[in-house]
């Protein structure tokens, strides 16, 4: 069977999507912690304990935590895509 570059790229893309959907337990825990942090920021803002800007900063920090946890998976899939190209 002859594989073309397009076939390899499509296969790598499908594999990377499958891997991206599988979160490790550590990644799941980080996502849950980040979501809890975002909820806490919203609750504190609604209660008047912090300003909108402070809530935004807390939510940005939570997003950074989530992005850092996802970094391992993203790096692995990017490496596979580069190997195909």
Protein backbone atom coordinates (compact mmCIF):
# COMPACT_ATOMS: atom_id res chain seq x y z
CA UNK A 1 0.00 0.00 0.00
CA UNK A 2 1.37 3.37 -1.00
CA UNK A 3 1.03 6.18 1.53
CA UNK A 4 0.87 9.73 0.31
CA UNK A 5 1.81 12.73 2.39
CA UNK A 6 -1.89 13.67 2.63
CA UNK A 7 -2.74 10.22 3.99
CA UNK A 8 0.00 10.48 6.60
CA UNK A 9 -1.08 13.97 7.63
CA UNK A 10 -4.72 12.89 7.91
CA UNK A 11 -3.72 9.87 9.99
CA UNK A 12 -1.56 11.98 12.29
CA UNK A 13 -4.35 14.52 12.69
CA UNK A 14 -6.85 11.82 13.61
CA UNK A 15 -4.40 10.30 16.09
CA UNK A 16 -3.63 13.67 17.64
CA UNK A 17 -7.33 14.40 18.10
CA UNK A 18 -7.75 11.05 19.82
CA UNK A 19 -4.82 11.72 22.12
CA UNK A 20 -5.96 15.24 22.86
CA UNK A 21 -9.31 13.88 24.01
CA UNK A 22 -7.63 11.57 26.54
CA UNK A 23 -6.75 13.56 29.63
CA UNK A 24 -4.40 12.15 32.23
CA UNK A 25 -5.54 12.03 35.86
CA UNK A 26 -3.18 14.91 36.64
CA UNK A 27 -4.65 16.98 33.82
CA UNK A 28 -8.20 16.21 34.99
CA UNK A 29 -7.28 17.28 38.54
CA UNK A 30 -5.74 20.52 37.29
CA UNK A 31 -8.81 21.27 35.19
CA UNK A 32 -11.11 20.66 38.15
CA UNK A 33 -8.96 22.88 40.37
CA UNK A 34 -9.00 25.63 37.74
CA UNK A 35 -12.77 25.40 37.40
CA UNK A 36 -13.15 25.63 41.18
CA UNK A 37 -10.89 28.68 41.19
CA UNK A 38 -12.99 30.36 38.48
CA UNK A 39 -16.19 29.64 40.41
CA UNK A 40 -14.64 31.04 43.57
CA UNK A 41 -13.63 34.21 41.72
CA UNK A 42 -17.18 34.62 40.39
CA UNK A 43 -18.70 34.04 43.83
CA UNK A 44 -16.31 36.50 45.47
CA UNK A 45 -17.06 39.10 42.81
CA UNK A 46 -20.82 38.59 43.17
CA UNK A 47 -20.50 39.01 46.95
CA UNK A 48 -18.59 42.27 46.50
CA UNK A 49 -15.44 40.88 48.10
CA UNK A 50 -13.26 41.58 45.05
CA UNK A 51 -13.44 43.81 41.99
CA UNK A 52 -14.13 42.69 38.45
CA UNK A 53 -10.44 43.18 37.62
CA UNK A 54 -9.37 40.98 40.54
CA UNK A 55 -11.82 38.29 39.47
CA UNK A 56 -10.46 38.48 35.92
CA UNK A 57 -6.92 38.08 37.26
CA UNK A 58 -7.93 35.00 39.27
CA UNK A 59 -9.65 33.52 36.22
CA UNK A 60 -6.58 34.23 34.07
CA UNK A 61 -4.43 32.43 36.64
CA UNK A 62 -6.83 29.48 36.53
CA UNK A 63 -6.62 29.44 32.73
CA UNK A 64 -2.81 29.45 32.94
CA UNK A 65 -2.95 26.43 35.28
CA UNK A 66 -5.22 24.62 32.86
CA UNK A 67 -2.99 25.47 29.89
CA UNK A 68 0.09 24.25 31.75
CA UNK A 69 -1.61 20.94 32.51
CA UNK A 70 -2.59 20.52 28.86
CA UNK A 71 0.93 21.34 27.70
CA UNK A 72 2.19 17.76 27.96
CA UNK A 73 -0.47 16.45 25.58
CA UNK A 74 -0.08 19.36 23.19
CA UNK A 75 3.69 18.91 23.01
CA UNK A 76 3.30 15.21 22.24
CA UNK A 77 0.77 15.76 19.44
CA UNK A 78 2.79 18.62 17.95
CA UNK A 79 5.84 16.35 17.88
CA UNK A 80 3.91 13.70 15.97
CA UNK A 81 2.60 16.25 13.48
CA UNK A 82 6.12 17.60 12.88
CA UNK A 83 7.46 14.08 12.34
CA UNK A 84 4.90 13.51 9.58
CA UNK A 85 5.64 16.79 7.86
